[in-house]
Structures are given as C-alpha cells and as structure tokens.
C-alpha atoms as a PDB file:
ATOM      1  CA  MET A   1      -3.760   2.832  14.614  1.00  0.00           C
ATOM      2  CA  LYS A   2      -6.334   1.411  12.276  1.00  0.00           C
ATOM      3  CA  LYS A   3      -5.614   4.029   9.636  1.00  0.00           C
ATOM      4  CA  LEU A   4      -3.467   1.568   7.691  1.00  0.00           C
ATOM      5  CA  ALA A   5      -6.705   0.253   6.240  1.00  0.00           C
ATOM      6  CA  LEU A   6      -6.733   2.333   5.526  1.00  0.00           C
ATOM      7  CA  ILE A   7      -3.538   1.459   3.601  1.00  0.00           C
ATOM      8  CA  LEU A   8      -5.855   3.033   1.045  1.00  0.00           C
ATOM      9  CA  ILE A   9      -7.206   5.942  -1.279  1.00  0.00           C
ATOM     10  CA  PHE A  10      -5.708   8.863  -3.438  1.00  0.00           C
ATOM     11  CA  ALA A  11      -6.054  12.474  -4.985  1.00  0.00           C
ATOM     12  CA  LEU A  12      -4.976  15.723  -6.840  1.00  0.00           C
ATOM     13  CA  PHE A  13      -3.976  18.244  -9.609  1.00  0.00           C
ATOM     14  CA  LEU A  14      -1.462  19.160 -12.392  1.00  0.00           C
ATOM     15  CA  PRO A  15      -1.853  17.493 -15.804  1.00  0.00           C
ATOM     16  CA  ALA A  16       1.128  15.150 -15.844  1.00  0.00           C
ATOM     17  CA  ALA A  17       0.871  14.679 -19.592  1.00  0.00           C
ATOM     18  CA  ALA A  18       2.131  18.229 -20.038  1.00  0.00           C
ATOM     19  CA  PHE A  19       5.564  17.221 -18.784  1.00  0.00           C
ATOM     20  CA  ALA A  20       8.147  14.622 -19.708  1.00  0.00           C
ATOM     21  CA  LYS A  21       7.966  11.758 -17.235  1.00  0.00           C
ATOM     22  CA  ASP A  22      10.594  12.002 -14.524  1.00  0.00           C
ATOM     23  CA  ALA A  23      13.217   9.250 -14.744  1.00  0.00           C
ATOM     24  CA  ARG A  24      12.639   8.474 -11.070  1.00  0.00           C
ATOM     25  CA  VAL A  25       8.966   7.799 -11.762  1.00  0.00           C
ATOM     26  CA  ILE A  26       9.935   5.456 -14.589  1.00  0.00           C
ATOM     27  CA  LYS A  27      12.255   3.545 -12.234  1.00  0.00           C
ATOM     28  CA  ALA A  28       9.482   3.292  -9.653  1.00  0.00           C
ATOM     29  CA  GLU A  29       7.042   1.919 -12.227  1.00  0.00           C
ATOM     30  CA  GLN A  30       9.628  -0.597 -13.418  1.00  0.00           C
ATOM     31  CA  TRP A  31      10.324  -1.735  -9.859  1.00  0.00           C
ATOM     32  CA  LEU A  32       6.630  -2.121  -9.041  1.00  0.00           C
ATOM     33  CA  GLY A  33       5.999  -3.906 -12.341  1.00  0.00           C
ATOM     34  CA  ALA A  34       8.771  -6.418 -11.634  1.00  0.00           C
ATOM     35  CA  LEU A  35       7.471  -7.145  -8.135  1.00  0.00           C
ATOM     36  CA  LYS A  36       5.730 -10.527  -8.045  1.00  0.00           C
ATOM     37  CA  THR A  37       6.033 -11.932  -4.540  1.00  0.00           C
ATOM     38  CA  GLY A  38       7.656 -10.730  -1.366  1.00  0.00           C
ATOM     39  CA  GLN A  39       7.590 -10.607   2.384  1.00  0.00           C
ATOM     40  CA  ALA A  40       8.973  -8.228   4.995  1.00  0.00           C
ATOM     41  CA  ARG A  41       8.694  -6.987   8.521  1.00  0.00           C
ATOM     42  CA  PHE A  42       6.887  -3.682   8.835  1.00  0.00           C
ATOM     43  CA  GLU A  43       6.505  -0.866  11.308  1.00  0.00           C
ATOM     44  CA  GLN A  44       3.399   1.298  11.290  1.00  0.00           C
ATOM     45  CA  LEU A  45       3.457   4.794  12.750  1.00  0.00           C
ATOM     46  CA  GLY A  46      -0.094   6.003  13.264  1.00  0.00           C
ATOM     47  CA  TYR A  47      -1.381   9.557  13.119  1.00  0.00           C
ATOM     48  CA  ASP A  48      -1.701   9.445  16.918  1.00  0.00           C
ATOM     49  CA  GLY A  49       1.924   8.370  17.432  1.00  0.00           C
ATOM     50  CA  THR A  50       1.092   4.692  17.977  1.00  0.00           C
ATOM     51  CA  ARG A  51       3.783   2.295  16.730  1.00  0.00           C
ATOM     52  CA  LEU A  52       2.842  -1.217  15.660  1.00  0.00           C
ATOM     53  CA  THR A  53       4.847  -3.970  13.996  1.00  0.00           C
ATOM     54  CA  GLY A  54       4.075  -7.108  12.057  1.00  0.00           C
ATOM     55  CA  ASN A  55       4.578  -9.134   8.905  1.00  0.00           C
ATOM     56  CA  PHE A  56       3.830  -8.036   5.356  1.00  0.00           C
ATOM     57  CA  TYR A  57       3.191 -10.410   2.439  1.00  0.00           C
ATOM     58  CA  ILE A  58       2.476  -9.643  -1.202  1.00  0.00           C
ATOM     59  CA  SER A  59       1.670 -11.596  -4.360  1.00  0.00           C
ATOM     60  CA  ARG A  60       1.109  -9.355  -7.366  1.00  0.00           C
ATOM     61  CA  PRO A  61      -1.177  -8.635  -8.922  1.00  0.00           C
ATOM     62  CA  GLY A  62      -3.956  -8.233  -6.432  1.00  0.00           C
ATOM     63  CA  ARG A  63      -2.928  -9.842  -3.155  1.00  0.00           C
ATOM     64  CA  LEU A  64      -1.332  -8.687   0.072  1.00  0.00           C
ATOM     65  CA  ARG A  65      -1.551  -9.205   3.802  1.00  0.00           C
ATOM     66  CA  PHE A  66      -0.605  -7.099   6.824  1.00  0.00           C
ATOM     67  CA  GLU A  67      -0.535  -9.184   9.984  1.00  0.00           C
ATOM     68  CA  TYR A  68       0.161  -7.388  13.258  1.00  0.00           C
ATOM     69  CA  ASP A  69       2.258  -8.791  16.068  1.00  0.00           C
ATOM     70  CA  PRO A  70       0.417  -9.883  19.253  1.00  0.00           C
ATOM     71  CA  PRO A  71      -1.423  -8.687  21.195  1.00  0.00           C
ATOM     72  CA  VAL A  72      -2.951  -6.777  18.253  1.00  0.00           C
ATOM     73  CA  LYS A  73      -5.370  -9.019  16.358  1.00  0.00           C
ATOM     74  CA  ASP A  74      -6.203  -6.669  13.486  1.00  0.00           C
ATOM     75  CA  PHE A  75      -5.228  -7.685   9.958  1.00  0.00           C
ATOM     76  CA  ILE A  76      -5.590  -6.532   6.369  1.00  0.00           C
ATOM     77  CA  VAL A  77      -6.039  -8.903   3.430  1.00  0.00           C
ATOM     78  CA  ALA A  78      -6.362  -8.140  -0.267  1.00  0.00           C
ATOM     79  CA  ASP A  79      -7.691 -11.278  -1.953  1.00  0.00           C
ATOM     80  CA  GLY A  80      -7.412 -10.330  -5.609  1.00  0.00           C
ATOM     81  CA  VAL A  81     -10.654  -8.346  -5.805  1.00  0.00           C
ATOM     82  CA  PHE A  82     -11.414  -6.850  -2.408  1.00  0.00           C
ATOM     83  CA  LEU A  83      -9.395  -5.433   0.447  1.00  0.00           C
ATOM     84  CA  HIS A  84     -10.634  -6.497   3.887  1.00  0.00           C
ATOM     85  CA  PHE A  85      -9.674  -4.765   7.124  1.00  0.00           C
ATOM     86  CA  TYR A  86     -10.544  -6.614  10.322  1.00  0.00           C
ATOM     87  CA  ASP A  87     -10.792  -4.416  13.410  1.00  0.00           C
ATOM     88  CA  ALA A  88     -10.541  -6.749  16.392  1.00  0.00           C
ATOM     89  CA  THR A  89     -11.504  -4.056  18.893  1.00  0.00           C
ATOM     90  CA  GLN A  90     -14.810  -3.470  17.128  1.00  0.00           C
ATOM     91  CA  ASN A  91     -15.080  -7.098  15.989  1.00  0.00           C
ATOM     92  CA  GLN A  92     -16.027  -5.983  12.500  1.00  0.00           C
ATOM     93  CA  THR A  93     -14.642  -5.975   8.979  1.00  0.00           C
ATOM     94  CA  SER A  94     -14.538  -3.153   6.442  1.00  0.00           C
ATOM     95  CA  THR A  95     -14.374  -4.253   2.797  1.00  0.00           C
ATOM     96  CA  ALA A  96     -13.762  -2.242  -0.364  1.00  0.00           C
ATOM     97  CA  PRO A  97     -12.769  -3.020  -3.970  1.00  0.00           C
ATOM     98  CA  THR A  98      -8.985  -2.933  -4.061  1.00  0.00           C
ATOM     99  CA  GLY A  99      -8.986  -0.466  -6.946  1.00  0.00           C
ATOM    100  CA  THR A 100     -10.670   2.154  -4.768  1.00  0.00           C
ATOM    101  CA  THR A 101      -8.040   1.937  -2.033  1.00  0.00           C
ATOM    102  CA  LEU A 102      -4.516   3.222  -1.539  1.00  0.00           C
ATOM    103  CA  ALA A 103      -3.273  -0.361  -1.718  1.00  0.00           C
ATOM    104  CA  ASP A 104      -3.931  -0.201  -5.446  1.00  0.00           C
ATOM    105  CA  PHE A 105      -0.547   1.385  -6.175  1.00  0.00           C
ATOM    106  CA  LEU A 106       1.074  -1.867  -5.016  1.00  0.00           C
ATOM    107  CA  LEU A 107      -1.433  -4.359  -6.368  1.00  0.00           C
ATOM    108  CA  ARG A 108      -2.539  -3.190  -9.812  1.00  0.00           C
ATOM    109  CA  LYS A 109      -1.429  -5.349 -12.732  1.00  0.00           C
ATOM    110  CA  ASN A 110      -0.406  -2.269 -14.686  1.00  0.00           C
ATOM    111  CA  ALA A 111       2.221  -0.573 -12.531  1.00  0.00           C
ATOM    112  CA  SER A 112       1.751   2.825 -14.203  1.00  0.00           C
ATOM    113  CA  LEU A 113       1.457   5.831 -11.901  1.00  0.00           C
ATOM    114  CA  GLU A 114      -0.500   7.695 -14.590  1.00  0.00           C
ATOM    115  CA  GLY A 115      -4.084   7.623 -15.811  1.00  0.00           C
ATOM    116  CA  ASP A 116      -6.332   7.085 -12.814  1.00  0.00           C
ATOM    117  CA  LEU A 117      -3.383   8.123 -10.640  1.00  0.00           C
ATOM    118  CA  LYS A 118      -1.523  11.422 -10.743  1.00  0.00           C
ATOM    119  CA  VAL A 119       2.053  12.107  -9.732  1.00  0.00           C
ATOM    120  CA  LEU A 120       1.918  15.248  -7.633  1.00  0.00           C
ATOM    121  CA  ASN A 121       5.538  15.638  -6.650  1.00  0.00           C
ATOM    122  CA  VAL A 122       8.926  13.958  -7.137  1.00  0.00           C
ATOM    123  CA  ARG A 123      11.943  14.777  -5.013  1.00  0.00           C
ATOM    124  CA  THR A 124      15.072  13.170  -3.576  1.00  0.00           C
ATOM    125  CA  LYS A 125      15.848  13.740   0.093  1.00  0.00           C
ATOM    126  CA  ASN A 126      18.311  12.042   2.443  1.00  0.00           C
ATOM    127  CA  GLY A 127      18.975   9.208   0.000  1.00  0.00           C
ATOM    128  CA  LEU A 128      15.300   8.469  -0.601  1.00  0.00           C
ATOM    129  CA  VAL A 129      13.277   9.157  -3.738  1.00  0.00           C
ATOM    130  CA  HIS A 130       9.850  10.503  -2.755  1.00  0.00           C
ATOM    131  CA  ILE A 131       6.992  10.165  -5.247  1.00  0.00           C
ATOM    132  CA  THR A 132       3.658  11.584  -4.123  1.00  0.00           C
ATOM    133  CA  VAL A 133       0.595  10.252  -5.947  1.00  0.00           C
ATOM    134  CA  ALA A 134      -3.175  10.625  -5.678  1.00  0.00           C
ATOM    135  CA  GLN A 135      -6.319   9.384  -7.381  1.00  0.00           C
ATOM    136  CA  THR A 136      -7.199  11.469 -10.412  1.00  0.00           C
ATOM    137  CA  ALA A 137     -10.952  11.105  -9.945  1.00  0.00           C
ATOM    138  CA  ASP A 138     -11.181  12.059  -6.262  1.00  0.00           C
ATOM    139  CA  PRO A 139      -8.791  14.826  -5.232  1.00  0.00           C
ATOM    140  CA  SER A 140     -10.292  15.070  -1.749  1.00  0.00           C
ATOM    141  CA  ALA A 141      -9.690  11.435  -0.808  1.00  0.00           C
ATOM    142  CA  GLY A 142      -6.035  11.725   0.182  1.00  0.00           C
ATOM    143  CA  GLN A 143      -2.592  10.949  -1.162  1.00  0.00           C
ATOM    144  CA  VAL A 144       0.358   8.632  -0.654  1.00  0.00           C
ATOM    145  CA  ASP A 145       4.063   9.472  -0.555  1.00  0.00           C
ATOM    146  CA  LEU A 146       6.112   6.519  -1.836  1.00  0.00           C
ATOM    147  CA  ARG A 147       9.736   6.360  -0.696  1.00  0.00           C
ATOM    148  CA  PHE A 148      12.364   4.375  -2.584  1.00  0.00           C
ATOM    149  CA  THR A 149      16.010   3.806  -1.721  1.00  0.00           C
ATOM    150  CA  GLU A 150      18.351   4.954  -4.498  1.00  0.00           C
ATOM    151  CA  GLU A 151      20.896   2.109  -4.417  1.00  0.00           C
ATOM    152  CA  PRO A 152      19.549  -0.429  -4.851  1.00  0.00           C
ATOM    153  CA  PHE A 153      16.316   1.138  -6.060  1.00  0.00           C
ATOM    154  CA  ALA A 154      13.564  -0.434  -3.951  1.00  0.00           C
ATOM    155  CA  LEU A 155      10.437   0.533  -2.056  1.00  0.00           C
ATOM    156  CA  LYS A 156      11.346   1.392   1.533  1.00  0.00           C
ATOM    157  CA  SER A 157       8.233   3.023   2.959  1.00  0.00           C
ATOM    158  CA  TRP A 158       5.075   4.952   2.213  1.00  0.00           C
ATOM    159  CA  LYS A 159       3.096   7.630   4.002  1.00  0.00           C
ATOM    160  CA  ILE A 160      -0.665   7.828   3.610  1.00  0.00           C
ATOM    161  CA  ILE A 161      -2.461  11.112   4.207  1.00  0.00           C
ATOM    162  CA  ASP A 162      -6.223  10.663   4.253  1.00  0.00           C
ATOM    163  CA  GLY A 163      -8.927  13.140   3.342  1.00  0.00           C
ATOM    164  CA  GLN A 164      -8.883  14.566   6.875  1.00  0.00           C
ATOM    165  CA  GLY A 165      -5.138  15.159   6.744  1.00  0.00           C
ATOM    166  CA  LEU A 166      -4.297  12.298   9.121  1.00  0.00           C
ATOM    167  CA  ALA A 167      -1.039  10.521   8.268  1.00  0.00           C
ATOM    168  CA  THR A 168      -0.044   6.868   8.670  1.00  0.00           C
ATOM    169  CA  GLU A 169       3.440   5.678   7.727  1.00  0.00           C
ATOM    170  CA  ILE A 170       4.534   2.138   6.853  1.00  0.00           C
ATOM    171  CA  THR A 171       8.239   1.232   6.794  1.00  0.00           C
ATOM    172  CA  LEU A 172       9.487  -2.113   5.494  1.00  0.00           C
ATOM    173  CA  ALA A 173      12.491  -4.034   6.830  1.00  0.00           C
ATOM    174  CA  ASN A 174      14.237  -7.169   5.558  1.00  0.00           C
ATOM    175  CA  LEU A 175      12.225  -7.159   2.343  1.00  0.00           C
ATOM    176  CA  LYS A 176      12.683 -10.459   0.494  1.00  0.00           C
ATOM    177  CA  LEU A 177      11.546 -10.548  -3.125  1.00  0.00           C
ATOM    178  CA  GLY A 178      10.641 -13.517  -5.288  1.00  0.00           C
ATOM    179  CA  VAL A 179      10.132 -15.847  -2.343  1.00  0.00           C
ATOM    180  CA  PRO A 180       7.334 -18.437  -2.159  1.00  0.00           C
ATOM    181  CA  VAL A 181       4.283 -17.055  -0.367  1.00  0.00           C
ATOM    182  CA  ALA A 182       1.469 -19.377   0.726  1.00  0.00           C
ATOM    183  CA  PRO A 183      -1.799 -18.654  -1.164  1.00  0.00           C
ATOM    184  CA  ALA A 184      -3.733 -19.244   2.066  1.00  0.00           C
ATOM    185  CA  LEU A 185      -2.358 -15.974   3.431  1.00  0.00           C
ATOM    186  CA  PHE A 186      -4.574 -14.093   0.985  1.00  0.00           C
ATOM    187  CA  VAL A 187      -7.827 -15.836   1.872  1.00  0.00           C
ATOM    188  CA  TYR A 188     -10.025 -13.639   4.033  1.00  0.00           C
ATOM    189  CA  LYS A 189     -11.285 -15.472   7.114  1.00  0.00           C
ATOM    190  CA  ASP A 190     -13.534 -13.667   9.562  1.00  0.00           C
ATOM    191  CA  PRO A 191     -13.925 -14.627  13.242  1.00  0.00           C
ATOM    192  CA  SER A 192     -17.001 -16.736  12.467  1.00  0.00           C
ATOM    193  CA  GLY A 193     -14.841 -19.048  10.367  1.00  0.00           C
ATOM    194  CA  ARG A 194     -16.236 -18.025   6.998  1.00  0.00           C
ATOM    195  CA  SER A 195     -13.721 -17.470   4.220  1.00  0.00           C
ATOM    196  CA  ARG A 196     -13.640 -15.788   0.870  1.00  0.00           C
ATOM    197  CA  LEU A 197     -11.197 -16.326  -1.981  1.00  0.00           C
ATOM    198  CA  ASN A 198     -11.340 -14.428  -5.262  1.00  0.00           C
ATOM    199  CA  ASP A 199      -9.511 -15.717  -8.322  1.00  0.00           C
END
C-alpha cells in the first residue's frame, strides 16, 4: 500500500545512444516537457492487491501531491527539492531528494528520458504506448513502466517495480492540464504542525 512512495527510483542496461531514438519516446518527452500544472483522480493498485484512491496534483518542475481518500491519512508531497512520504500508520515521514526517486521522471525540469535515465523497452499494446525506464547509475533500484494513450497522446498510468520486484501501479482519471493549483498543496506539513517549503 505504501509502495507508492515509493512513487520512486530507477535502473538498467543497453546503451541507448547506439540506437536512433524511438518516435514514441520523443512524443513522451514532448508531452512531459509541456506539462506545467494538472490535477486528476488516481487509483493505486499495490503489490499486495490493495486498491486505494485519491487526488493527484502536479506543478512542474518539482512539485506534486498524492492525497488519499479517507480513511487513509497517508500522503506524498514533493516540494521542489525533497519528496516526503507520510505514513499515518507508523506516524512517521520518509524524505528523499526528488532526483533520487521515481517521481523524478514527472518532476525534472529537463523532460529527457536519457542521460541519468535509460529507456529499457518501448512497445505499443492495447492502445497504450509503454515506455520502461530506469536509473542509469543504479540498475538494482527498480524501474518504471510509463503508459501513454495514443490519441490523444497523454500519460495514463505508470507501474513501479522496486528493487525487490514488488509492483505498484498508478492510474489517472479525469486528468485536467493547465489548471490553477494552489501552491499550499506542495508545502509539507507534518502532524506536529511544522511545515517546509523549498523554492
């Protein structure tokens, strides 16, 4: 259930520079690069079969929020520098630099899927373009399978497979792009009332 925080880390092989870039990868980079703000409903399917729903907000570069529907009180906030995952059951927060997490593919200013990321596989199946990427520097950390609709071309879902092989899938619904998103959504506030905002 908490593995969304797990929205986060990559891996792999095959020197991409040896091949011409796939047109589908170019379209994905262009779509991600054009993404500025957005909000959507999401469904999370955990590795244990648990299904959770909630609201997703994004303000690129650097900021996003996953807010679960009640009674779940967990949330994930990327504030421009760090990604914070609050686990309400444990009453604790895990924090990591956004660039070291799987959320980086959505939040990086440069939307390229090359360099510190590697494209492992590109395929089209059942009307969805699948692009599997991983972190170049840490092949054992895991990978993420991005899924885009073909017409219109847009991010529909992603599947995260961590270093232990456990998979968590996020599917977006009613994605609205270019809408105003309140900056306060991206301020991390822990249960003690402290807050942190990074510019």
